[in-house]
Amino acid sequence: AMSQLVHMVQAIIIDMKAFLVMLVIFTVAFSLALHILIKFQVEHLDDTDTSGEWHIAEEEWGSLLHAVYTTFNMGLYAAFDARALKLNWQIVLVFEGFMVIVQVVLFNLLIAIMADTHHRVREQSQLVALYQRSILVLEEEQAVRSRGDGGGREEGGERACRGRKRPS
């Protein structure tokens, strides 16, 4: 049971490589798009804007590294300050597109990958269990034959069954 679990976790991690590559590509792409849009919007704001939203945008989206970090938190944990995203309708549109792709499409893909891996590992574990049982049966037959005096296959089989009840 434990070996099956370990094998399943190992197979899931291996199968998740393509998912993780797609997640990184989408995160970096949307980070770059949001970084450019917010940077452009902050540069063109009035000095009379007293809402303070541009300060938040500068902190979270000022550098590309901060933008990737914020986008990663946004997509995986839904943890971010939404005030910076309300600066422009294009920013809201890109944000909504990212959230739909990551939260709906990619996480459903992750669930499908894990379910497929679980099914495949479960089938393989049943085959391995049957194989191990057959090995045990062969070893038992060889042990029974070696205990006999070499008089033949049937004779050794009869000796092994003498003390046992026969199924009816």
C-alpha atoms as a PDB file:
ATOM      1  CA  ALA A   1       0.000   0.000   0.000  1.00  0.00           C
ATOM      2  CA  MET A   2       2.805   2.425   0.907  1.00  0.00           C
ATOM      3  CA  SER A   3       4.831   1.534  -2.179  1.00  0.00           C
ATOM      4  CA  GLN A   4       1.753   2.187  -4.319  1.00  0.00           C
ATOM      5  CA  LEU A   5       1.366   5.635  -2.736  1.00  0.00           C
ATOM      6  CA  VAL A   6       5.038   6.477  -3.242  1.00  0.00           C
ATOM      7  CA  HIS A   7       4.872   5.288  -6.854  1.00  0.00           C
ATOM      8  CA  MET A   8       1.713   7.355  -7.410  1.00  0.00           C
ATOM      9  CA  VAL A   9       3.250  10.558  -5.999  1.00  0.00           C
ATOM     10  CA  GLN A  10       6.361  10.010  -8.111  1.00  0.00           C
ATOM     11  CA  ALA A  11       4.266   9.483 -11.261  1.00  0.00           C
ATOM     12  CA  ILE A  12       2.137  12.581 -10.544  1.00  0.00           C
ATOM     13  CA  ILE A  13       5.238  14.741 -10.110  1.00  0.00           C
ATOM     14  CA  ILE A  14       6.671  13.460 -13.390  1.00  0.00           C
ATOM     15  CA  ASP A  15       3.364  14.017 -15.207  1.00  0.00           C
ATOM     16  CA  MET A  16       3.050  17.569 -13.835  1.00  0.00           C
ATOM     17  CA  LYS A  17       6.118  18.826 -15.714  1.00  0.00           C
ATOM     18  CA  ALA A  18       4.109  19.958 -18.749  1.00  0.00           C
ATOM     19  CA  PHE A  19       1.530  21.612 -16.479  1.00  0.00           C
ATOM     20  CA  LEU A  20       4.211  23.530 -14.592  1.00  0.00           C
ATOM     21  CA  VAL A  21       5.822  24.706 -17.830  1.00  0.00           C
ATOM     22  CA  MET A  22       2.444  26.014 -19.044  1.00  0.00           C
ATOM     23  CA  LEU A  23       1.795  27.703 -15.681  1.00  0.00           C
ATOM     24  CA  VAL A  24       5.177  29.461 -15.780  1.00  0.00           C
ATOM     25  CA  ILE A  25       4.640  30.605 -19.389  1.00  0.00           C
ATOM     26  CA  PHE A  26       1.177  32.014 -18.638  1.00  0.00           C
ATOM     27  CA  THR A  27       2.359  33.672 -15.419  1.00  0.00           C
ATOM     28  CA  VAL A  28       5.339  35.374 -17.068  1.00  0.00           C
ATOM     29  CA  ALA A  29       3.300  36.432 -20.119  1.00  0.00           C
ATOM     30  CA  PHE A  30       0.497  37.956 -18.072  1.00  0.00           C
ATOM     31  CA  SER A  31       3.020  39.504 -15.664  1.00  0.00           C
ATOM     32  CA  LEU A  32       4.695  41.267 -18.554  1.00  0.00           C
ATOM     33  CA  ALA A  33       1.361  42.435 -19.990  1.00  0.00           C
ATOM     34  CA  LEU A  34       0.122  43.744 -16.639  1.00  0.00           C
ATOM     35  CA  HIS A  35       3.493  45.334 -15.860  1.00  0.00           C
ATOM     36  CA  ILE A  36       3.477  47.241 -19.157  1.00  0.00           C
ATOM     37  CA  LEU A  37      -0.171  48.308 -18.858  1.00  0.00           C
ATOM     38  CA  ILE A  38       0.093  49.454 -15.243  1.00  0.00           C
ATOM     39  CA  LYS A  39       3.434  51.208 -15.798  1.00  0.00           C
ATOM     40  CA  PHE A  40       1.937  53.072 -18.773  1.00  0.00           C
ATOM     41  CA  GLN A  41      -1.170  53.999 -16.788  1.00  0.00           C
ATOM     42  CA  VAL A  42       0.822  55.240 -13.779  1.00  0.00           C
ATOM     43  CA  GLU A  43       3.042  57.413 -16.007  1.00  0.00           C
ATOM     44  CA  HIS A  44      -0.021  59.089 -17.525  1.00  0.00           C
ATOM     45  CA  LEU A  45      -1.958  59.755 -14.314  1.00  0.00           C
ATOM     46  CA  ASP A  46      -2.546  63.316 -13.191  1.00  0.00           C
ATOM     47  CA  ASP A  47      -0.708  64.664 -10.209  1.00  0.00           C
ATOM     48  CA  THR A  48      -4.167  65.637  -9.011  1.00  0.00           C
ATOM     49  CA  ASP A  49      -5.166  61.994  -8.529  1.00  0.00           C
ATOM     50  CA  THR A  50      -5.613  61.644  -4.791  1.00  0.00           C
ATOM     51  CA  SER A  51      -6.970  58.124  -4.688  1.00  0.00           C
ATOM     52  CA  GLY A  52      -3.533  56.696  -3.988  1.00  0.00           C
ATOM     53  CA  GLU A  53      -4.053  53.796  -6.378  1.00  0.00           C
ATOM     54  CA  TRP A  54      -0.935  54.651  -8.328  1.00  0.00           C
ATOM     55  CA  HIS A  55       1.219  54.230  -5.176  1.00  0.00           C
ATOM     56  CA  ILE A  56      -0.098  50.693  -4.765  1.00  0.00           C
ATOM     57  CA  ALA A  57       0.486  50.024  -8.444  1.00  0.00           C
ATOM     58  CA  GLU A  58       4.064  51.279  -8.186  1.00  0.00           C
ATOM     59  CA  GLU A  59       4.801  49.029  -5.198  1.00  0.00           C
ATOM     60  CA  GLU A  60       3.308  45.833  -6.629  1.00  0.00           C
ATOM     61  CA  TRP A  61       3.991  46.298 -10.325  1.00  0.00           C
ATOM     62  CA  GLY A  62       6.948  48.707 -10.448  1.00  0.00           C
ATOM     63  CA  SER A  63       9.571  46.148 -11.427  1.00  0.00           C
ATOM     64  CA  LEU A  64       9.170  43.062 -13.564  1.00  0.00           C
ATOM     65  CA  LEU A  65      10.228  40.811 -10.675  1.00  0.00           C
ATOM     66  CA  HIS A  66       7.522  42.308  -8.442  1.00  0.00           C
ATOM     67  CA  ALA A  67       5.037  41.918 -11.289  1.00  0.00           C
ATOM     68  CA  VAL A  68       5.848  38.196 -11.652  1.00  0.00           C
ATOM     69  CA  TYR A  69       5.591  37.709  -7.892  1.00  0.00           C
ATOM     70  CA  THR A  70       2.256  39.547  -7.697  1.00  0.00           C
ATOM     71  CA  THR A  71       0.867  37.702 -10.718  1.00  0.00           C
ATOM     72  CA  PHE A  72       1.949  34.350  -9.260  1.00  0.00           C
ATOM     73  CA  ASN A  73       0.169  35.159  -5.977  1.00  0.00           C
ATOM     74  CA  MET A  74      -2.816  36.404  -7.921  1.00  0.00           C
ATOM     75  CA  GLY A  75      -3.184  33.260 -10.007  1.00  0.00           C
ATOM     76  CA  LEU A  76      -2.433  30.565  -7.463  1.00  0.00           C
ATOM     77  CA  TYR A  77      -3.598  32.060  -4.183  1.00  0.00           C
ATOM     78  CA  ALA A  78      -5.910  34.886  -5.312  1.00  0.00           C
ATOM     79  CA  ALA A  79      -3.925  37.116  -2.923  1.00  0.00           C
ATOM     80  CA  PHE A  80      -3.458  40.662  -4.221  1.00  0.00           C
ATOM     81  CA  ASP A  81      -4.649  44.235  -3.829  1.00  0.00           C
ATOM     82  CA  ALA A  82      -7.349  44.827  -6.432  1.00  0.00           C
ATOM     83  CA  ARG A  83      -7.162  48.635  -6.245  1.00  0.00           C
ATOM     84  CA  ALA A  84      -4.141  48.706  -8.541  1.00  0.00           C
ATOM     85  CA  LEU A  85      -6.035  46.726 -11.173  1.00  0.00           C
ATOM     86  CA  LYS A  86      -8.859  49.260 -11.404  1.00  0.00           C
ATOM     87  CA  LEU A  87      -6.735  51.910 -13.101  1.00  0.00           C
ATOM     88  CA  ASN A  88      -7.843  51.017 -16.606  1.00  0.00           C
ATOM     89  CA  TRP A  89     -10.350  48.746 -18.354  1.00  0.00           C
ATOM     90  CA  GLN A  90      -7.553  46.992 -20.314  1.00  0.00           C
ATOM     91  CA  ILE A  91      -5.861  46.048 -17.047  1.00  0.00           C
ATOM     92  CA  VAL A  92      -9.123  44.583 -15.742  1.00  0.00           C
ATOM     93  CA  LEU A  93      -9.591  42.644 -18.995  1.00  0.00           C
ATOM     94  CA  VAL A  94      -6.073  41.152 -18.864  1.00  0.00           C
ATOM     95  CA  PHE A  95      -6.524  40.335 -15.173  1.00  0.00           C
ATOM     96  CA  GLU A  96      -9.848  38.564 -15.790  1.00  0.00           C
ATOM     97  CA  GLY A  97      -8.365  36.625 -18.700  1.00  0.00           C
ATOM     98  CA  PHE A  98      -5.461  35.475 -16.545  1.00  0.00           C
ATOM     99  CA  MET A  99      -7.725  34.417 -13.685  1.00  0.00           C
ATOM    100  CA  VAL A 100     -10.002  32.419 -15.997  1.00  0.00           C
ATOM    101  CA  ILE A 101      -7.081  30.667 -17.663  1.00  0.00           C
ATOM    102  CA  VAL A 102      -5.261  29.825 -14.435  1.00  0.00           C
ATOM    103  CA  GLN A 103      -8.114  29.245 -11.998  1.00  0.00           C
ATOM    104  CA  VAL A 104     -10.470  27.423 -14.343  1.00  0.00           C
ATOM    105  CA  VAL A 105      -8.594  25.951 -17.285  1.00  0.00           C
ATOM    106  CA  LEU A 106      -5.186  25.093 -15.831  1.00  0.00           C
ATOM    107  CA  PHE A 107      -6.418  23.819 -12.479  1.00  0.00           C
ATOM    108  CA  ASN A 108      -9.002  21.603 -14.191  1.00  0.00           C
ATOM    109  CA  LEU A 109      -6.168  20.342 -16.380  1.00  0.00           C
ATOM    110  CA  LEU A 110      -4.157  19.605 -13.229  1.00  0.00           C
ATOM    111  CA  ILE A 111      -7.050  17.626 -11.755  1.00  0.00           C
ATOM    112  CA  ALA A 112      -7.394  15.651 -14.994  1.00  0.00           C
ATOM    113  CA  ILE A 113      -3.651  14.894 -15.075  1.00  0.00           C
ATOM    114  CA  MET A 114      -3.700  13.687 -11.471  1.00  0.00           C
ATOM    115  CA  ALA A 115      -6.805  11.522 -12.024  1.00  0.00           C
ATOM    116  CA  ASP A 116      -5.287   9.949 -15.137  1.00  0.00           C
ATOM    117  CA  THR A 117      -2.035   9.231 -13.301  1.00  0.00           C
ATOM    118  CA  HIS A 118      -3.931   7.747 -10.363  1.00  0.00           C
ATOM    119  CA  HIS A 119      -5.887   5.453 -12.695  1.00  0.00           C
ATOM    120  CA  ARG A 120      -2.748   4.361 -14.550  1.00  0.00           C
ATOM    121  CA  VAL A 121      -0.777   3.671 -11.357  1.00  0.00           C
ATOM    122  CA  ARG A 122      -3.691   1.764  -9.853  1.00  0.00           C
ATOM    123  CA  GLU A 123      -3.886  -0.509 -12.902  1.00  0.00           C
ATOM    124  CA  GLN A 124      -0.138  -1.067 -12.796  1.00  0.00           C
ATOM    125  CA  SER A 125      -0.220  -1.840  -9.082  1.00  0.00           C
ATOM    126  CA  GLN A 126      -2.851  -4.527  -9.631  1.00  0.00           C
ATOM    127  CA  LEU A 127      -0.675  -6.096 -12.316  1.00  0.00           C
ATOM    128  CA  VAL A 128       2.376  -5.945 -10.050  1.00  0.00           C
ATOM    129  CA  ALA A 129       0.399  -7.571  -7.208  1.00  0.00           C
ATOM    130  CA  LEU A 130      -0.698 -10.401  -9.519  1.00  0.00           C
ATOM    131  CA  TYR A 131       2.869 -10.828 -10.751  1.00  0.00           C
ATOM    132  CA  GLN A 132       4.187 -11.032  -7.182  1.00  0.00           C
ATOM    133  CA  ARG A 133       1.515 -13.609  -6.297  1.00  0.00           C
ATOM    134  CA  SER A 134       2.502 -15.733  -9.280  1.00  0.00           C
ATOM    135  CA  ILE A 135       6.148 -15.572  -8.186  1.00  0.00           C
ATOM    136  CA  LEU A 136       5.116 -16.786  -4.715  1.00  0.00           C
ATOM    137  CA  VAL A 137       3.135 -19.673  -6.234  1.00  0.00           C
ATOM    138  CA  LEU A 138       6.101 -20.691  -8.389  1.00  0.00           C
ATOM    139  CA  GLU A 139       8.459 -20.549  -5.404  1.00  0.00           C
ATOM    140  CA  GLU A 140       6.052 -22.682  -3.355  1.00  0.00           C
ATOM    141  CA  GLU A 141       5.766 -25.243  -6.151  1.00  0.00           C
ATOM    142  CA  GLN A 142       9.550 -25.423  -6.420  1.00  0.00           C
ATOM    143  CA  ALA A 143       9.855 -25.867  -2.647  1.00  0.00           C
ATOM    144  CA  VAL A 144       7.271 -28.673  -2.718  1.00  0.00           C
ATOM    145  CA  ARG A 145       9.093 -30.400  -5.582  1.00  0.00           C
ATOM    146  CA  SER A 146      12.451 -30.119  -3.854  1.00  0.00           C
ATOM    147  CA  ARG A 147      11.048 -31.704  -0.652  1.00  0.00           C
ATOM    148  CA  GLY A 148       9.964 -34.774  -2.606  1.00  0.00           C
ATOM    149  CA  ASP A 149      12.310 -37.601  -3.459  1.00  0.00           C
ATOM    150  CA  GLY A 150      12.244 -36.755  -7.125  1.00  0.00           C
ATOM    151  CA  GLY A 151       9.718 -39.437  -7.985  1.00  0.00           C
ATOM    152  CA  GLY A 152       7.813 -37.224 -10.368  1.00  0.00           C
ATOM    153  CA  ARG A 153       5.687 -34.187 -10.535  1.00  0.00           C
ATOM    154  CA  GLU A 154       2.386 -35.766  -9.566  1.00  0.00           C
ATOM    155  CA  GLU A 155       3.913 -37.682  -6.710  1.00  0.00           C
ATOM    156  CA  GLY A 156       5.414 -34.530  -5.192  1.00  0.00           C
ATOM    157  CA  GLY A 157       2.093 -32.782  -5.589  1.00  0.00           C
ATOM    158  CA  GLU A 158       0.310 -35.644  -3.831  1.00  0.00           C
ATOM    159  CA  ARG A 159       2.756 -35.523  -0.929  1.00  0.00           C
ATOM    160  CA  ALA A 160       2.225 -31.782  -0.523  1.00  0.00           C
ATOM    161  CA  CYS A 161      -1.541 -32.257  -0.434  1.00  0.00           C
ATOM    162  CA  ARG A 162      -1.699 -35.319   1.910  1.00  0.00           C
ATOM    163  CA  GLY A 163      -2.186 -33.377   5.086  1.00  0.00           C
ATOM    164  CA  ARG A 164      -4.499 -30.787   3.582  1.00  0.00           C
ATOM    165  CA  LYS A 165      -8.200 -30.987   2.992  1.00  0.00           C
ATOM    166  CA  ARG A 166      -9.239 -31.021  -0.613  1.00  0.00           C
ATOM    167  CA  PRO A 167     -11.804 -28.409  -1.649  1.00  0.00           C
ATOM    168  CA  SER A 168     -15.206 -29.896  -2.441  1.00  0.00           C
END
